[in-house]
PDB file of N, CA and C in Angstrom:
ATOM      1  N   MET A   1      37.680  11.633  83.386  1.00  0.00           N
ATOM      2  CA  MET A   1      37.837  11.759  81.769  1.00  0.00           C
ATOM      3  C   MET A   1      38.569  13.248  81.590  1.00  0.00           C
ATOM      4  N   GLU A   2      38.124  14.032  82.238  1.00  0.00           N
ATOM      5  CA  GLU A   2      38.467  15.673  82.189  1.00  0.00           C
ATOM      6  C   GLU A   2      39.918  15.504  82.385  1.00  0.00           C
ATOM      7  N   LEU A   3      40.266  14.894  83.436  1.00  0.00           N
ATOM      8  CA  LEU A   3      41.900  14.676  83.440  1.00  0.00           C
ATOM      9  C   LEU A   3      42.671  14.755  82.158  1.00  0.00           C
ATOM     10  N   LEU A   4      42.351  13.280  81.619  1.00  0.00           N
ATOM     11  CA  LEU A   4      43.173  12.757  80.580  1.00  0.00           C
ATOM     12  C   LEU A   4      42.679  13.911  79.373  1.00  0.00           C
ATOM     13  N   VAL A   5      41.365  14.117  79.138  1.00  0.00           N
ATOM     14  CA  VAL A   5      41.511  15.382  78.088  1.00  0.00           C
ATOM     15  C   VAL A   5      42.435  16.963  78.608  1.00  0.00           C
ATOM     16  N   ASN A   6      42.346  17.081  79.703  1.00  0.00           N
ATOM     17  CA  ASN A   6      43.279  18.597  79.897  1.00  0.00           C
ATOM     18  C   ASN A   6      44.792  17.937  79.830  1.00  0.00           C
ATOM     19  N   TRP A   7      45.289  16.654  79.985  1.00  0.00           N
ATOM     20  CA  TRP A   7      46.722  16.461  79.617  1.00  0.00           C
ATOM     21  C   TRP A   7      46.971  16.354  78.291  1.00  0.00           C
ATOM     22  N   ILE A   8      46.098  16.098  77.447  1.00  0.00           N
ATOM     23  CA  ILE A   8      45.954  15.483  76.035  1.00  0.00           C
ATOM     24  C   ILE A   8      46.119  17.148  75.164  1.00  0.00           C
ATOM     25  N   CYS A   9      45.175  18.217  76.006  1.00  0.00           N
ATOM     26  CA  CYS A   9      45.134  19.645  75.270  1.00  0.00           C
ATOM     27  C   CYS A   9      46.819  19.956  75.832  1.00  0.00           C
ATOM     28  N   LEU A  10      47.142  19.816  76.909  1.00  0.00           N
ATOM     29  CA  LEU A  10      48.668  20.572  77.343  1.00  0.00           C
ATOM     30  C   LEU A  10      49.817  20.171  76.402  1.00  0.00           C
ATOM     31  N   GLY A  11      49.824  18.620  75.945  1.00  0.00           N
ATOM     32  CA  GLY A  11      50.484  17.837  75.393  1.00  0.00           C
ATOM     33  C   GLY A  11      50.351  18.837  73.994  1.00  0.00           C
ATOM     34  N   ILE A  12      49.479  19.030  73.385  1.00  0.00           N
ATOM     35  CA  ILE A  12      49.365  19.645  72.273  1.00  0.00           C
ATOM     36  C   ILE A  12      49.717  20.800  71.968  1.00  0.00           C
ATOM     37  N   ALA A  13      49.545  21.727  73.420  1.00  0.00           N
ATOM     38  CA  ALA A  13      50.126  22.787  73.384  1.00  0.00           C
ATOM     39  C   ALA A  13      51.233  22.985  73.274  1.00  0.00           C
ATOM     40  N   SER A  14      52.207  21.893  74.228  1.00  0.00           N
ATOM     41  CA  SER A  14      53.308  21.950  74.042  1.00  0.00           C
ATOM     42  C   SER A  14      53.974  21.524  72.835  1.00  0.00           C
ATOM     43  N   GLY A  15      53.472  20.947  72.089  1.00  0.00           N
ATOM     44  CA  GLY A  15      54.211  20.308  70.953  1.00  0.00           C
ATOM     45  C   GLY A  15      53.990  21.490  69.594  1.00  0.00           C
ATOM     46  N   ILE A  16      52.943  22.208  69.981  1.00  0.00           N
ATOM     47  CA  ILE A  16      53.058  23.363  68.858  1.00  0.00           C
ATOM     48  C   ILE A  16      53.622  24.541  69.451  1.00  0.00           C
ATOM     49  N   ILE A  17      54.046  24.843  70.613  1.00  0.00           N
ATOM     50  CA  ILE A  17      55.265  25.642  71.325  1.00  0.00           C
ATOM     51  C   ILE A  17      56.234  25.401  70.746  1.00  0.00           C
ATOM     52  N   ALA A  18      56.277  24.203  70.689  1.00  0.00           N
ATOM     53  CA  ALA A  18      58.116  23.472  70.541  1.00  0.00           C
ATOM     54  C   ALA A  18      58.382  23.731  68.780  1.00  0.00           C
ATOM     55  N   GLN A  19      56.988  23.411  68.118  1.00  0.00           N
ATOM     56  CA  GLN A  19      57.294  23.280  66.606  1.00  0.00           C
ATOM     57  C   GLN A  19      57.493  24.662  65.912  1.00  0.00           C
ATOM     58  N   ASN A  20      56.673  25.633  66.538  1.00  0.00           N
ATOM     59  CA  ASN A  20      56.871  27.299  66.366  1.00  0.00           C
ATOM     60  C   ASN A  20      58.491  27.612  66.821  1.00  0.00           C
ATOM     61  N   LYS A  21      59.181  26.806  67.368  1.00  0.00           N
ATOM     62  CA  LYS A  21      60.114  27.309  67.931  1.00  0.00           C
ATOM     63  C   LYS A  21      61.768  26.483  67.256  1.00  0.00           C
ATOM     64  N   GLY A  22      60.810  25.417  66.152  1.00  0.00           N
ATOM     65  CA  GLY A  22      61.786  24.511  65.553  1.00  0.00           C
ATOM     66  C   GLY A  22      62.124  23.236  65.925  1.00  0.00           C
ATOM     67  N   ARG A  23      61.564  22.806  67.103  1.00  0.00           N
ATOM     68  CA  ARG A  23      61.478  21.747  67.766  1.00  0.00           C
ATOM     69  C   ARG A  23      60.505  20.552  67.155  1.00  0.00           C
ATOM     70  N   SER A  24      60.449  19.536  67.766  1.00  0.00           N
ATOM     71  CA  SER A  24      59.772  18.219  67.366  1.00  0.00           C
ATOM     72  C   SER A  24      58.189  18.584  68.063  1.00  0.00           C
ATOM     73  N   PHE A  25      57.712  18.552  67.471  1.00  0.00           N
ATOM     74  CA  PHE A  25      56.074  18.375  67.390  1.00  0.00           C
ATOM     75  C   PHE A  25      55.615  17.055  68.301  1.00  0.00           C
ATOM     76  N   PHE A  26      55.891  15.789  67.836  1.00  0.00           N
ATOM     77  CA  PHE A  26      55.862  14.742  68.578  1.00  0.00           C
ATOM     78  C   PHE A  26      56.613  14.241  70.257  1.00  0.00           C
ATOM     79  N   GLY A  27      57.955  14.932  69.849  1.00  0.00           N
ATOM     80  CA  GLY A  27      58.563  14.662  71.026  1.00  0.00           C
ATOM     81  C   GLY A  27      58.130  15.356  72.103  1.00  0.00           C
ATOM     82  N   TYR A  28      58.087  16.611  72.043  1.00  0.00           N
ATOM     83  CA  TYR A  28      57.075  17.644  73.219  1.00  0.00           C
ATOM     84  C   TYR A  28      55.719  17.492  73.303  1.00  0.00           C
ATOM     85  N   PHE A  29      55.057  16.610  72.771  1.00  0.00           N
ATOM     86  CA  PHE A  29      53.430  16.284  72.706  1.00  0.00           C
ATOM     87  C   PHE A  29      53.435  15.102  73.637  1.00  0.00           C
ATOM     88  N   VAL A  30      54.629  14.493  73.567  1.00  0.00           N
ATOM     89  CA  VAL A  30      54.651  13.118  74.298  1.00  0.00           C
ATOM     90  C   VAL A  30      55.073  13.387  75.635  1.00  0.00           C
ATOM     91  N   LEU A  31      56.402  14.397  75.920  1.00  0.00           N
ATOM     92  CA  LEU A  31      56.470  14.945  77.132  1.00  0.00           C
ATOM     93  C   LEU A  31      55.324  15.581  77.872  1.00  0.00           C
ATOM     94  N   GLY A  32      54.477  16.467  76.900  1.00  0.00           N
ATOM     95  CA  GLY A  32      53.506  17.643  77.749  1.00  0.00           C
ATOM     96  C   GLY A  32      52.411  16.605  77.901  1.00  0.00           C
ATOM     97  N   THR A  33      52.092  15.155  77.344  1.00  0.00           N
ATOM     98  CA  THR A  33      51.049  14.483  78.061  1.00  0.00           C
ATOM     99  C   THR A  33      51.403  13.293  78.996  1.00  0.00           C
ATOM    100  N   LEU A  34      52.689  13.102  79.023  1.00  0.00           N
ATOM    101  CA  LEU A  34      53.132  12.513  80.457  1.00  0.00           C
ATOM    102  C   LEU A  34      53.166  12.976  81.409  1.00  0.00           C
ATOM    103  N   ILE A  35      53.888  14.480  81.076  1.00  0.00           N
ATOM    104  CA  ILE A  35      54.167  15.329  82.622  1.00  0.00           C
ATOM    105  C   ILE A  35      53.497  16.681  82.118  1.00  0.00           C
ATOM    106  N   PRO A  36      52.256  16.567  82.334  1.00  0.00           N
ATOM    107  CA  PRO A  36      51.656  18.030  81.675  1.00  0.00           C
ATOM    108  C   PRO A  36      52.555  19.360  81.760  1.00  0.00           C
ATOM    109  N   MET A  37      52.368  19.377  83.000  1.00  0.00           N
ATOM    110  CA  MET A  37      53.052  21.197  83.168  1.00  0.00           C
ATOM    111  C   MET A  37      54.224  21.343  83.130  1.00  0.00           C
ATOM    112  N   VAL A  38      55.219  20.200  83.391  1.00  0.00           N
ATOM    113  CA  VAL A  38      56.429  20.467  83.002  1.00  0.00           C
ATOM    114  C   VAL A  38      56.783  20.220  81.881  1.00  0.00           C
ATOM    115  N   GLY A  39      56.221  19.586  80.760  1.00  0.00           N
ATOM    116  CA  GLY A  39      56.127  19.709  79.538  1.00  0.00           C
ATOM    117  C   GLY A  39      56.261  20.826  78.949  1.00  0.00           C
ATOM    118  N   LEU A  40      55.244  21.870  79.250  1.00  0.00           N
ATOM    119  CA  LEU A  40      54.363  22.942  78.855  1.00  0.00           C
ATOM    120  C   LEU A  40      55.733  23.872  79.176  1.00  0.00           C
ATOM    121  N   VAL A  41      55.950  23.921  80.859  1.00  0.00           N
ATOM    122  CA  VAL A  41      57.165  25.048  81.068  1.00  0.00           C
ATOM    123  C   VAL A  41      58.608  24.662  80.073  1.00  0.00           C
ATOM    124  N   ILE A  42      58.869  23.370  79.849  1.00  0.00           N
ATOM    125  CA  ILE A  42      60.236  23.067  79.179  1.00  0.00           C
ATOM    126  C   ILE A  42      59.971  23.765  77.402  1.00  0.00           C
ATOM    127  N   ALA A  43      58.915  23.518  76.880  1.00  0.00           N
ATOM    128  CA  ALA A  43      58.286  23.686  76.078  1.00  0.00           C
ATOM    129  C   ALA A  43      58.713  25.601  75.586  1.00  0.00           C
ATOM    130  N   LEU A  44      58.056  26.053  76.835  1.00  0.00           N
ATOM    131  CA  LEU A  44      58.356  27.723  76.957  1.00  0.00           C
ATOM    132  C   LEU A  44      59.452  27.947  77.231  1.00  0.00           C
ATOM    133  N   ALA A  45      60.290  27.159  77.697  1.00  0.00           N
ATOM    134  CA  ALA A  45      61.743  27.922  78.213  1.00  0.00           C
ATOM    135  C   ALA A  45      62.947  27.586  77.270  1.00  0.00           C
ATOM    136  N   VAL A  46      62.833  26.436  76.467  1.00  0.00           N
ATOM    137  CA  VAL A  46      63.830  25.659  75.307  1.00  0.00           C
ATOM    138  C   VAL A  46      64.007  26.853  74.205  1.00  0.00           C
ATOM    139  N   GLY A  47      65.051  27.371  73.732  1.00  0.00           N
ATOM    140  CA  GLY A  47      65.227  28.308  72.871  1.00  0.00           C
ATOM    141  C   GLY A  47      64.678  27.565  71.597  1.00  0.00           C
ATOM    142  N   ARG A  48      65.196  28.728  70.516  1.00  0.00           N
ATOM    143  CA  ARG A  48      64.512  28.472  69.255  1.00  0.00           C
ATOM    144  C   ARG A  48      65.601  27.622  68.467  1.00  0.00           C
ATOM    145  N   ASN A  49      65.407  26.720  67.577  1.00  0.00           N
ATOM    146  CA  ASN A  49      66.629  26.224  66.615  1.00  0.00           C
ATOM    147  C   ASN A  49      66.445  26.796  65.814  1.00  0.00           C
ATOM    148  N   THR A  50      67.119  27.961  65.499  1.00  0.00           N
ATOM    149  CA  THR A  50      67.448  28.647  64.310  1.00  0.00           C
ATOM    150  C   THR A  50      67.748  27.905  62.685  1.00  0.00           C
ATOM    151  N   GLU A  51      68.446  26.746  62.780  1.00  0.00           N
ATOM    152  CA  GLU A  51      68.481  25.808  61.922  1.00  0.00           C
ATOM    153  C   GLU A  51      67.299  25.280  60.686  1.00  0.00           C
ATOM    154  N   THR A  52      66.883  24.588  61.761  1.00  0.00           N
ATOM    155  CA  THR A  52      65.337  23.952  61.478  1.00  0.00           C
ATOM    156  C   THR A  52      64.480  25.110  61.083  1.00  0.00           C
ATOM    157  N   ALA A  53      64.080  25.975  61.994  1.00  0.00           N
ATOM    158  CA  ALA A  53      63.105  26.892  61.613  1.00  0.00           C
ATOM    159  C   ALA A  53      63.133  27.650  60.326  1.00  0.00           C
ATOM    160  N   ASP A  54      64.727  27.978  59.750  1.00  0.00           N
ATOM    161  CA  ASP A  54      64.849  28.576  58.702  1.00  0.00           C
ATOM    162  C   ASP A  54      64.717  27.748  57.831  1.00  0.00           C
ATOM    163  N   ARG A  55      64.746  26.546  57.375  1.00  0.00           N
ATOM    164  CA  ARG A  55      64.921  25.393  56.829  1.00  0.00           C
ATOM    165  C   ARG A  55      63.273  25.145  56.591  1.00  0.00           C
ATOM    166  N   ARG A  56      62.483  25.038  57.557  1.00  0.00           N
ATOM    167  CA  ARG A  56      61.220  25.024  57.040  1.00  0.00           C
ATOM    168  C   ARG A  56      60.603  26.416  56.224  1.00  0.00           C
ATOM    169  N   GLN A  57      60.915  27.365  57.193  1.00  0.00           N
ATOM    170  CA  GLN A  57      60.651  28.883  56.088  1.00  0.00           C
ATOM    171  C   GLN A  57      61.134  28.993  54.600  1.00  0.00           C
ATOM    172  N   VAL A  58      62.293  28.451  54.269  1.00  0.00           N
ATOM    173  CA  VAL A  58      62.874  28.327  52.788  1.00  0.00           C
ATOM    174  C   VAL A  58      61.872  27.241  52.188  1.00  0.00           C
ATOM    175  N   ALA A  59      61.710  26.086  52.730  1.00  0.00           N
ATOM    176  CA  ALA A  59      60.867  25.206  52.190  1.00  0.00           C
ATOM    177  C   ALA A  59      59.273  25.259  51.852  1.00  0.00           C
ATOM    178  N   SER A  60      59.072  26.278  52.425  1.00  0.00           N
ATOM    179  CA  SER A  60      57.369  26.521  52.528  1.00  0.00           C
ATOM    180  C   SER A  60      57.388  27.641  51.578  1.00  0.00           C
ATOM    181  N   GLY A  61      58.614  28.207  51.050  1.00  0.00           N
ATOM    182  CA  GLY A  61      58.448  29.608  50.176  1.00  0.00           C
ATOM    183  C   GLY A  61      58.402  30.784  51.097  1.00  0.00           C
ATOM    184  N   ARG A  62      58.082  31.170  52.352  1.00  0.00           N
ATOM    185  CA  ARG A  62      58.313  32.166  52.908  1.00  0.00           C
ATOM    186  C   ARG A  62      59.357  32.867  53.397  1.00  0.00           C
ATOM    187  N   GLY A  63      60.390  32.238  52.857  1.00  0.00           N
ATOM    188  CA  GLY A  63      61.990  33.076  52.853  1.00  0.00           C
ATOM    189  C   GLY A  63      62.700  32.473  52.097  1.00  0.00           C
ATOM    190  N   LYS A  64      63.560  32.865  51.889  1.00  0.00           N
ATOM    191  CA  LYS A  64      65.234  32.459  51.297  1.00  0.00           C
ATOM    192  C   LYS A  64      66.217  33.156  51.792  1.00  0.00           C
ATOM    193  N   LYS A  65      67.136  32.158  51.657  1.00  0.00           N
ATOM    194  CA  LYS A  65      68.733  32.618  52.493  1.00  0.00           C
ATOM    195  C   LYS A  65      69.642  33.670  51.548  1.00  0.00           C
ATOM    196  N   CYS A  66      69.994  34.786  52.295  1.00  0.00           N
ATOM    197  CA  CYS A  66      71.099  35.707  51.641  1.00  0.00           C
ATOM    198  C   CYS A  66      72.670  35.111  51.229  1.00  0.00           C
ATOM    199  N   PRO A  67      72.307  35.216  49.849  1.00  0.00           N
ATOM    200  CA  PRO A  67      73.842  34.580  49.559  1.00  0.00           C
ATOM    201  C   PRO A  67      75.184  35.160  50.181  1.00  0.00           C
ATOM    202  N   TYR A  68      74.948  36.314  50.944  1.00  0.00           N
ATOM    203  CA  TYR A  68      76.152  37.019  51.356  1.00  0.00           C
ATOM    204  C   TYR A  68      76.283  36.914  52.968  1.00  0.00           C
ATOM    205  N   CYS A  69      75.112  37.149  53.830  1.00  0.00           N
ATOM    206  CA  CYS A  69      75.167  36.862  55.110  1.00  0.00           C
ATOM    207  C   CYS A  69      74.638  35.806  55.775  1.00  0.00           C
ATOM    208  N   ALA A  70      73.949  34.544  54.629  1.00  0.00           N
ATOM    209  CA  ALA A  70      73.214  33.489  55.295  1.00  0.00           C
ATOM    210  C   ALA A  70      72.071  34.003  55.990  1.00  0.00           C
ATOM    211  N   ASP A  71      71.434  35.033  56.105  1.00  0.00           N
ATOM    212  CA  ASP A  71      70.308  35.499  57.213  1.00  0.00           C
ATOM    213  C   ASP A  71      68.958  34.760  56.115  1.00  0.00           C
ATOM    214  N   LEU A  72      68.160  34.865  56.757  1.00  0.00           N
ATOM    215  CA  LEU A  72      66.691  34.804  56.371  1.00  0.00           C
ATOM    216  C   LEU A  72      66.206  35.985  55.701  1.00  0.00           C
ATOM    217  N   ILE A  73      65.771  35.922  54.518  1.00  0.00           N
ATOM    218  CA  ILE A  73      65.120  36.901  53.816  1.00  0.00           C
ATOM    219  C   ILE A  73      63.816  36.664  53.898  1.00  0.00           C
ATOM    220  N   PRO A  74      62.728  37.603  54.419  1.00  0.00           N
ATOM    221  CA  PRO A  74      61.305  37.339  54.363  1.00  0.00           C
ATOM    222  C   PRO A  74      60.798  37.782  52.777  1.00  0.00           C
ATOM    223  N   THR A  75      60.329  36.800  52.435  1.00  0.00           N
ATOM    224  CA  THR A  75      59.978  36.736  50.538  1.00  0.00           C
ATOM    225  C   THR A  75      59.505  37.759  50.260  1.00  0.00           C
ATOM    226  N   ARG A  76      58.595  38.777  51.180  1.00  0.00           N
ATOM    227  CA  ARG A  76      58.065  40.066  50.642  1.00  0.00           C
ATOM    228  C   ARG A  76      58.825  41.334  50.712  1.00  0.00           C
ATOM    229  N   SER A  77      59.552  41.164  51.892  1.00  0.00           N
ATOM    230  CA  SER A  77      60.671  42.560  51.443  1.00  0.00           C
ATOM    231  C   SER A  77      61.591  42.478  50.511  1.00  0.00           C
ATOM    232  N   GLY A  78      62.615  41.229  50.228  1.00  0.00           N
ATOM    233  CA  GLY A  78      63.572  41.157  49.154  1.00  0.00           C
ATOM    234  C   GLY A  78      64.589  41.514  49.700  1.00  0.00           C
ATOM    235  N   ARG A  79      64.875  41.833  50.828  1.00  0.00           N
ATOM    236  CA  ARG A  79      66.432  42.438  51.416  1.00  0.00           C
ATOM    237  C   ARG A  79      66.326  42.092  52.729  1.00  0.00           C
ATOM    238  N   VAL A  80      67.643  41.744  53.223  1.00  0.00           N
ATOM    239  CA  VAL A  80      67.800  41.471  54.465  1.00  0.00           C
ATOM    240  C   VAL A  80      67.495  42.438  55.415  1.00  0.00           C
ATOM    241  N   PRO A  81      66.876  42.160  56.677  1.00  0.00           N
ATOM    242  CA  PRO A  81      65.942  43.142  57.665  1.00  0.00           C
ATOM    243  C   PRO A  81      67.810  43.809  58.165  1.00  0.00           C
ATOM    244  N   LEU A  82      69.067  43.042  58.413  1.00  0.00           N
ATOM    245  CA  LEU A  82      70.194  43.734  59.054  1.00  0.00           C
ATOM    246  C   LEU A  82      70.828  44.984  58.080  1.00  0.00           C
ATOM    247  N   PHE A  83      70.094  44.960  56.398  1.00  0.00           N
ATOM    248  CA  PHE A  83      71.020  45.736  55.926  1.00  0.00           C
ATOM    249  C   PHE A  83      69.893  47.008  55.369  1.00  0.00           C
ATOM    250  N   ARG A  84      70.021  47.899  55.702  1.00  0.00           N
ATOM    251  CA  ARG A  84      68.740  48.625  55.162  1.00  0.00           C
ATOM    252  C   ARG A  84      69.041  48.981  53.945  1.00  0.00           C
ATOM    253  N   ALA A  85      69.704  48.878  52.838  1.00  0.00           N
ATOM    254  CA  ALA A  85      69.259  49.722  51.575  1.00  0.00           C
ATOM    255  C   ALA A  85      69.760  47.923  50.616  1.00  0.00           C
ATOM    256  N   GLY A  86      69.102  46.907  51.346  1.00  0.00           N
ATOM    257  CA  GLY A  86      69.635  45.640  50.460  1.00  0.00           C
ATOM    258  C   GLY A  86      70.630  45.060  50.824  1.00  0.00           C
ATOM    259  N   PRO A  87      70.911  43.986  50.197  1.00  0.00           N
ATOM    260  CA  PRO A  87      72.090  43.374  50.132  1.00  0.00           C
ATOM    261  C   PRO A  87      73.413  43.943  49.830  1.00  0.00           C
ATOM    262  N   ARG A  88      74.547  43.801  50.230  1.00  0.00           N
ATOM    263  CA  ARG A  88      75.739  44.408  50.292  1.00  0.00           C
ATOM    264  C   ARG A  88      76.211  43.900  49.008  1.00  0.00           C
ATOM    265  N   PRO A  89      77.003  44.987  48.214  1.00  0.00           N
ATOM    266  CA  PRO A  89      77.893  44.754  47.117  1.00  0.00           C
ATOM    267  C   PRO A  89      78.714  43.654  47.265  1.00  0.00           C
ATOM    268  N   ARG A  90      79.766  42.798  46.079  1.00  0.00           N
ATOM    269  CA  ARG A  90      80.040  41.840  46.182  1.00  0.00           C
ATOM    270  C   ARG A  90      81.538  42.169  46.506  1.00  0.00           C
ATOM    271  N   GLY A  91      82.091  43.717  46.362  1.00  0.00           N
ATOM    272  CA  GLY A  91      83.337  44.169  46.805  1.00  0.00           C
ATOM    273  C   GLY A  91      83.690  44.150  48.163  1.00  0.00           C
ATOM    274  N   ILE A  92      82.360  44.450  49.199  1.00  0.00           N
ATOM    275  CA  ILE A  92      82.840  44.904  50.422  1.00  0.00           C
ATOM    276  C   ILE A  92      82.822  43.419  51.390  1.00  0.00           C
ATOM    277  N   ILE A  93      83.963  43.760  52.225  1.00  0.00           N
ATOM    278  CA  ILE A  93      83.995  42.707  53.313  1.00  0.00           C
ATOM    279  C   ILE A  93      84.405  41.382  52.597  1.00  0.00           C
ATOM    280  N   GLY A  94      85.553  41.375  51.893  1.00  0.00           N
ATOM    281  CA  GLY A  94      86.136  39.937  51.894  1.00  0.00           C
ATOM    282  C   GLY A  94      85.609  39.327  50.635  1.00  0.00           C
ATOM    283  N   ARG A  95      84.900  40.008  50.089  1.00  0.00           N
ATOM    284  CA  ARG A  95      84.042  39.204  48.919  1.00  0.00           C
ATOM    285  C   ARG A  95      84.757  40.099  47.343  1.00  0.00           C
TER     286      ARG A  95
END
């Protein structure tokens, strides 16, 4: 019984880690439950899916896309972290 609980906990941990990286919670939950330690290691090693993570942040209202560089702008700051003085003017670099 304890083994089953540990497997499910590792599956949940794998799913949460993967979801924070923009991956599928359910897919990594299943992988982490069926192959516990391997699923957790894979969830930790896999890279961040920036497109999905950015879409989720825009949909939740925690950020918006910069019209000039398509980077994610945190809602609190109002400017792209790349540009120190805010978004670049339209006349610079091909605009």
